[in-house]
Amino acid sequence: MTGPMSRDVPTLCRASTLASLAPAELALALRPLWEDAGPLVGRLVGRPVATWHELIDVAVGAIEVMGDAERAELLNAHPRIGAPPDALVRRSALSHREQGGAAGADPDVLAVLEVLNDRYEARFGFPFVEWVNGRSRQEMVTAIEARLGGDRQRELTAGCAALVAIARDRLSRLEPRDGQSGG
């Protein structure tokens, strides 16, 4: 397999080749959109798609039929919102940029996010996942506080919907390896 992504500048392989990839190769190919696709890989392996947009649509269907444990595992693979910028950049350059990089990394806000993330994970059993979409870390404090009052099913659904929104947003900013949009 040709390299689906470098550490700093992710690239996408041709979507039409995804069905031929072994699970480990598919997991690497999906990293630019999904970080660690976890249980999603097993559900997408061997599934032919013509475009990356179609792959995301297939992934949505796969997520919808996952049980709670699988959806929680998928959410557990995503980096924490408000993770310290140096730790986040080591794990995911994309998440680091999406969460504002080192800019605005107010230690007090990061400390609040750490406490809220701990509370959220203790309550629901998986991390808080939200499509940041340029919002500040302080805005994420408000978002996680609001979602702490939800129930587990709603949070599983919201977190997985956020993962899909993140994947769609990343796809809109990445070019496939062959330079053809989507595929």
C-alpha atoms as a PDB file:
ATOM      1  CA  MET A   1       0.000   0.000   0.000  1.00  0.00           C
ATOM      2  CA  THR A   2       1.256   3.444  -0.730  1.00  0.00           C
ATOM      3  CA  GLY A   3       1.419   5.540   2.433  1.00  0.00           C
ATOM      4  CA  PRO A   4      -2.038   6.888   3.241  1.00  0.00           C
ATOM      5  CA  MET A   5      -0.696   9.706   5.380  1.00  0.00           C
ATOM      6  CA  SER A   6       2.423  11.276   6.725  1.00  0.00           C
ATOM      7  CA  ARG A   7       2.490  12.501  10.313  1.00  0.00           C
ATOM      8  CA  ASP A   8       1.979  16.161   9.397  1.00  0.00           C
ATOM      9  CA  VAL A   9       0.371  16.237   5.957  1.00  0.00           C
ATOM     10  CA  PRO A  10      -2.282  13.570   5.584  1.00  0.00           C
ATOM     11  CA  THR A  11      -3.120  12.273   2.147  1.00  0.00           C
ATOM     12  CA  LEU A  12      -5.836   9.947   1.033  1.00  0.00           C
ATOM     13  CA  CYS A  13      -5.312   6.958  -1.205  1.00  0.00           C
ATOM     14  CA  ARG A  14      -7.758   6.241  -4.011  1.00  0.00           C
ATOM     15  CA  ALA A  15     -11.070   5.270  -2.466  1.00  0.00           C
ATOM     16  CA  SER A  16     -11.497   2.534  -5.058  1.00  0.00           C
ATOM     17  CA  THR A  17      -8.501   0.692  -3.538  1.00  0.00           C
ATOM     18  CA  LEU A  18      -9.864   0.595   0.015  1.00  0.00           C
ATOM     19  CA  ALA A  19     -11.780  -2.671  -0.454  1.00  0.00           C
ATOM     20  CA  SER A  20      -8.567  -4.503  -1.332  1.00  0.00           C
ATOM     21  CA  LEU A  21      -6.740  -3.496   1.856  1.00  0.00           C
ATOM     22  CA  ALA A  22      -6.063  -5.816   4.762  1.00  0.00           C
ATOM     23  CA  PRO A  23      -7.483  -4.604   8.091  1.00  0.00           C
ATOM     24  CA  ALA A  24      -4.209  -3.061   9.312  1.00  0.00           C
ATOM     25  CA  GLU A  25      -3.714  -1.245   5.999  1.00  0.00           C
ATOM     26  CA  LEU A  26      -7.317  -0.036   6.007  1.00  0.00           C
ATOM     27  CA  ALA A  27      -6.888   1.282   9.557  1.00  0.00           C
ATOM     28  CA  LEU A  28      -3.899   3.339   8.371  1.00  0.00           C
ATOM     29  CA  ALA A  29      -5.757   4.569   5.289  1.00  0.00           C
ATOM     30  CA  LEU A  30      -8.659   5.758   7.458  1.00  0.00           C
ATOM     31  CA  ARG A  31      -6.478   7.666   9.951  1.00  0.00           C
ATOM     32  CA  PRO A  32      -6.733  11.041   8.204  1.00  0.00           C
ATOM     33  CA  LEU A  33     -10.503  11.003   8.678  1.00  0.00           C
ATOM     34  CA  TRP A  34     -11.083   8.801  11.734  1.00  0.00           C
ATOM     35  CA  GLU A  35      -7.874   8.921  13.872  1.00  0.00           C
ATOM     36  CA  ASP A  36      -8.155   5.318  15.053  1.00  0.00           C
ATOM     37  CA  ALA A  37     -11.192   3.760  13.433  1.00  0.00           C
ATOM     38  CA  GLY A  38     -11.172   0.856  15.895  1.00  0.00           C
ATOM     39  CA  PRO A  39     -14.225  -1.368  15.402  1.00  0.00           C
ATOM     40  CA  LEU A  40     -15.209   0.536  12.275  1.00  0.00           C
ATOM     41  CA  VAL A  41     -12.324  -1.074  10.379  1.00  0.00           C
ATOM     42  CA  GLY A  42     -13.778  -4.556  10.738  1.00  0.00           C
ATOM     43  CA  ARG A  43     -17.106  -3.346   9.413  1.00  0.00           C
ATOM     44  CA  LEU A  44     -15.559  -1.590   6.403  1.00  0.00           C
ATOM     45  CA  VAL A  45     -12.954  -4.155   5.362  1.00  0.00           C
ATOM     46  CA  GLY A  46     -13.699  -5.493   1.885  1.00  0.00           C
ATOM     47  CA  ARG A  47     -16.528  -3.004   1.292  1.00  0.00           C
ATOM     48  CA  PRO A  48     -16.118  -1.509  -2.184  1.00  0.00           C
ATOM     49  CA  VAL A  49     -16.642   2.245  -2.508  1.00  0.00           C
ATOM     50  CA  ALA A  50     -16.059   4.592  -5.414  1.00  0.00           C
ATOM     51  CA  THR A  51     -15.411   7.769  -3.391  1.00  0.00           C
ATOM     52  CA  TRP A  52     -14.393   8.821   0.085  1.00  0.00           C
ATOM     53  CA  HIS A  53     -17.806  10.472   0.467  1.00  0.00           C
ATOM     54  CA  GLU A  54     -19.385   7.087  -0.177  1.00  0.00           C
ATOM     55  CA  LEU A  55     -17.060   5.520   2.398  1.00  0.00           C
ATOM     56  CA  ILE A  56     -18.292   7.964   5.031  1.00  0.00           C
ATOM     57  CA  ASP A  57     -21.898   7.133   4.125  1.00  0.00           C
ATOM     58  CA  VAL A  58     -21.120   3.409   4.477  1.00  0.00           C
ATOM     59  CA  ALA A  59     -19.413   4.143   7.806  1.00  0.00           C
ATOM     60  CA  VAL A  60     -22.538   5.954   9.038  1.00  0.00           C
ATOM     61  CA  GLY A  61     -24.587   2.838   8.286  1.00  0.00           C
ATOM     62  CA  ALA A  62     -22.028   0.658  10.051  1.00  0.00           C
ATOM     63  CA  ILE A  63     -22.049   2.885  13.130  1.00  0.00           C
ATOM     64  CA  GLU A  64     -25.856   2.842  13.249  1.00  0.00           C
ATOM     65  CA  VAL A  65     -25.899  -0.962  13.657  1.00  0.00           C
ATOM     66  CA  MET A  66     -23.071  -1.114  16.198  1.00  0.00           C
ATOM     67  CA  GLY A  67     -23.901  -2.060  19.740  1.00  0.00           C
ATOM     68  CA  ASP A  68     -23.183   0.273  22.622  1.00  0.00           C
ATOM     69  CA  ALA A  69     -19.829  -1.350  23.428  1.00  0.00           C
ATOM     70  CA  GLU A  70     -18.572  -0.946  19.854  1.00  0.00           C
ATOM     71  CA  ARG A  71     -19.701   2.666  19.649  1.00  0.00           C
ATOM     72  CA  ALA A  72     -17.997   3.399  22.981  1.00  0.00           C
ATOM     73  CA  GLU A  73     -14.821   1.724  21.663  1.00  0.00           C
ATOM     74  CA  LEU A  74     -14.972   3.925  18.567  1.00  0.00           C
ATOM     75  CA  LEU A  75     -15.305   7.037  20.734  1.00  0.00           C
ATOM     76  CA  ASN A  76     -12.464   5.870  22.999  1.00  0.00           C
ATOM     77  CA  ALA A  77     -10.119   6.006  20.023  1.00  0.00           C
ATOM     78  CA  HIS A  78     -10.553   9.770  19.614  1.00  0.00           C
ATOM     79  CA  PRO A  79      -8.233  12.242  21.394  1.00  0.00           C
ATOM     80  CA  ARG A  80      -9.600  14.186  24.333  1.00  0.00           C
ATOM     81  CA  ILE A  81     -10.802  17.718  23.740  1.00  0.00           C
ATOM     82  CA  GLY A  82      -8.516  20.003  25.651  1.00  0.00           C
ATOM     83  CA  ALA A  83      -5.629  17.542  25.840  1.00  0.00           C
ATOM     84  CA  PRO A  84      -2.375  19.388  26.474  1.00  0.00           C
ATOM     85  CA  PRO A  85      -1.209  20.723  23.087  1.00  0.00           C
ATOM     86  CA  ASP A  86       2.180  18.966  23.234  1.00  0.00           C
ATOM     87  CA  ALA A  87       0.555  15.594  23.947  1.00  0.00           C
ATOM     88  CA  LEU A  88      -2.117  16.177  21.317  1.00  0.00           C
ATOM     89  CA  VAL A  89       0.341  17.041  18.544  1.00  0.00           C
ATOM     90  CA  ARG A  90       2.247  13.819  19.267  1.00  0.00           C
ATOM     91  CA  ARG A  91      -0.966  11.816  18.932  1.00  0.00           C
ATOM     92  CA  SER A  92      -2.699  13.644  16.094  1.00  0.00           C
ATOM     93  CA  ALA A  93      -1.477  16.646  14.120  1.00  0.00           C
ATOM     94  CA  LEU A  94      -4.997  17.056  12.693  1.00  0.00           C
ATOM     95  CA  SER A  95      -6.687  17.120  16.095  1.00  0.00           C
ATOM     96  CA  HIS A  96      -4.011  19.501  17.350  1.00  0.00           C
ATOM     97  CA  ARG A  97      -4.775  21.962  14.530  1.00  0.00           C
ATOM     98  CA  GLU A  98      -8.548  21.520  14.857  1.00  0.00           C
ATOM     99  CA  GLN A  99      -8.400  22.239  18.578  1.00  0.00           C
ATOM    100  CA  GLY A 100      -6.497  25.463  18.009  1.00  0.00           C
ATOM    101  CA  GLY A 101      -2.921  24.260  18.343  1.00  0.00           C
ATOM    102  CA  ALA A 102      -0.955  25.926  21.086  1.00  0.00           C
ATOM    103  CA  ALA A 103      -2.887  29.193  20.614  1.00  0.00           C
ATOM    104  CA  GLY A 104      -5.314  29.904  23.396  1.00  0.00           C
ATOM    105  CA  ALA A 105      -4.055  27.024  25.513  1.00  0.00           C
ATOM    106  CA  ASP A 106      -4.905  28.823  28.743  1.00  0.00           C
ATOM    107  CA  PRO A 107      -3.709  26.530  31.553  1.00  0.00           C
ATOM    108  CA  ASP A 108      -6.783  27.351  33.649  1.00  0.00           C
ATOM    109  CA  VAL A 109      -9.166  26.364  30.828  1.00  0.00           C
ATOM    110  CA  LEU A 110      -7.149  23.199  30.144  1.00  0.00           C
ATOM    111  CA  ALA A 111      -7.395  22.307  33.846  1.00  0.00           C
ATOM    112  CA  VAL A 112     -11.178  22.786  33.784  1.00  0.00           C
ATOM    113  CA  LEU A 113     -11.446  20.654  30.639  1.00  0.00           C
ATOM    114  CA  GLU A 114      -9.386  17.917  32.288  1.00  0.00           C
ATOM    115  CA  VAL A 115     -11.754  17.811  35.273  1.00  0.00           C
ATOM    116  CA  LEU A 116     -14.841  17.891  33.029  1.00  0.00           C
ATOM    117  CA  ASN A 117     -13.435  15.179  30.751  1.00  0.00           C
ATOM    118  CA  ASP A 118     -12.767  13.006  33.817  1.00  0.00           C
ATOM    119  CA  ARG A 119     -16.350  13.544  35.040  1.00  0.00           C
ATOM    120  CA  TYR A 120     -17.800  12.841  31.594  1.00  0.00           C
ATOM    121  CA  GLU A 121     -15.761   9.653  31.160  1.00  0.00           C
ATOM    122  CA  ALA A 122     -16.663   8.446  34.660  1.00  0.00           C
ATOM    123  CA  ARG A 123     -20.372   9.074  33.976  1.00  0.00           C
ATOM    124  CA  PHE A 124     -20.605   7.630  30.455  1.00  0.00           C
ATOM    125  CA  GLY A 125     -17.638   5.267  30.055  1.00  0.00           C
ATOM    126  CA  PHE A 126     -16.218   6.961  26.956  1.00  0.00           C
ATOM    127  CA  PRO A 127     -14.712  10.358  26.138  1.00  0.00           C
ATOM    128  CA  PHE A 128     -16.570  13.502  25.211  1.00  0.00           C
ATOM    129  CA  VAL A 129     -16.318  13.935  21.432  1.00  0.00           C
ATOM    130  CA  GLU A 130     -17.468  17.082  19.685  1.00  0.00           C
ATOM    131  CA  TRP A 131     -16.771  18.645  16.309  1.00  0.00           C
ATOM    132  CA  VAL A 132     -14.769  21.661  17.442  1.00  0.00           C
ATOM    133  CA  ASN A 133     -15.125  23.509  14.122  1.00  0.00           C
ATOM    134  CA  GLY A 134     -13.027  26.496  15.179  1.00  0.00           C
ATOM    135  CA  ARG A 135     -14.669  26.917  18.570  1.00  0.00           C
ATOM    136  CA  SER A 136     -12.419  27.860  21.478  1.00  0.00           C
ATOM    137  CA  ARG A 137     -11.519  25.586  24.341  1.00  0.00           C
ATOM    138  CA  GLN A 138     -13.665  27.810  26.580  1.00  0.00           C
ATOM    139  CA  GLU A 139     -16.634  27.081  24.284  1.00  0.00           C
ATOM    140  CA  MET A 140     -15.855  23.385  24.688  1.00  0.00           C
ATOM    141  CA  VAL A 141     -16.120  23.843  28.473  1.00  0.00           C
ATOM    142  CA  THR A 142     -19.688  25.077  27.948  1.00  0.00           C
ATOM    143  CA  ALA A 143     -20.451  22.213  25.536  1.00  0.00           C
ATOM    144  CA  ILE A 144     -19.205  19.463  27.819  1.00  0.00           C
ATOM    145  CA  GLU A 145     -21.009  20.998  30.826  1.00  0.00           C
ATOM    146  CA  ALA A 146     -24.269  20.965  28.864  1.00  0.00           C
ATOM    147  CA  ARG A 147     -23.782  17.369  27.728  1.00  0.00           C
ATOM    148  CA  LEU A 148     -22.923  16.065  31.190  1.00  0.00           C
ATOM    149  CA  GLY A 149     -26.655  16.157  31.947  1.00  0.00           C
ATOM    150  CA  GLY A 150     -27.541  13.831  29.070  1.00  0.00           C
ATOM    151  CA  ASP A 151     -28.192  10.125  29.127  1.00  0.00           C
ATOM    152  CA  ARG A 152     -25.744   7.491  27.869  1.00  0.00           C
ATOM    153  CA  GLN A 153     -27.664   6.582  24.706  1.00  0.00           C
ATOM    154  CA  ARG A 154     -27.973  10.196  23.641  1.00  0.00           C
ATOM    155  CA  GLU A 155     -24.273  10.749  24.335  1.00  0.00           C
ATOM    156  CA  LEU A 156     -23.238   7.675  22.329  1.00  0.00           C
ATOM    157  CA  THR A 157     -25.296   9.002  19.429  1.00  0.00           C
ATOM    158  CA  ALA A 158     -23.997  12.570  19.792  1.00  0.00           C
ATOM    159  CA  GLY A 159     -20.384  11.438  20.045  1.00  0.00           C
ATOM    160  CA  CYS A 160     -20.639   9.196  16.983  1.00  0.00           C
ATOM    161  CA  ALA A 161     -22.390  11.967  15.032  1.00  0.00           C
ATOM    162  CA  ALA A 162     -19.487  14.244  15.981  1.00  0.00           C
ATOM    163  CA  LEU A 163     -17.003  11.666  14.665  1.00  0.00           C
ATOM    164  CA  VAL A 164     -18.853  11.632  11.344  1.00  0.00           C
ATOM    165  CA  ALA A 165     -18.922  15.452  11.229  1.00  0.00           C
ATOM    166  CA  ILE A 166     -15.174  15.504  11.902  1.00  0.00           C
ATOM    167  CA  ALA A 167     -14.556  12.963   9.135  1.00  0.00           C
ATOM    168  CA  ARG A 168     -16.682  14.923   6.650  1.00  0.00           C
ATOM    169  CA  ASP A 169     -14.924  18.164   7.566  1.00  0.00           C
ATOM    170  CA  ARG A 170     -11.489  16.584   7.200  1.00  0.00           C
ATOM    171  CA  LEU A 171     -12.462  15.089   3.844  1.00  0.00           C
ATOM    172  CA  SER A 172     -13.492  18.540   2.625  1.00  0.00           C
ATOM    173  CA  ARG A 173      -9.957  19.765   3.397  1.00  0.00           C
ATOM    174  CA  LEU A 174      -7.928  16.794   2.133  1.00  0.00           C
ATOM    175  CA  GLU A 175      -7.173  15.765  -1.407  1.00  0.00           C
ATOM    176  CA  PRO A 176      -7.060  12.115  -2.381  1.00  0.00           C
ATOM    177  CA  ARG A 177      -3.659  10.816  -3.435  1.00  0.00           C
ATOM    178  CA  ASP A 178      -4.571  10.801  -7.101  1.00  0.00           C
ATOM    179  CA  GLY A 179      -5.756  14.427  -6.967  1.00  0.00           C
ATOM    180  CA  GLN A 180      -9.330  13.520  -7.882  1.00  0.00           C
ATOM    181  CA  SER A 181     -11.876  14.916  -5.468  1.00  0.00           C
ATOM    182  CA  GLY A 182     -13.391  12.157  -3.388  1.00  0.00           C
ATOM    183  CA  GLY A 183     -11.781   9.336  -4.952  1.00  0.00           C
END
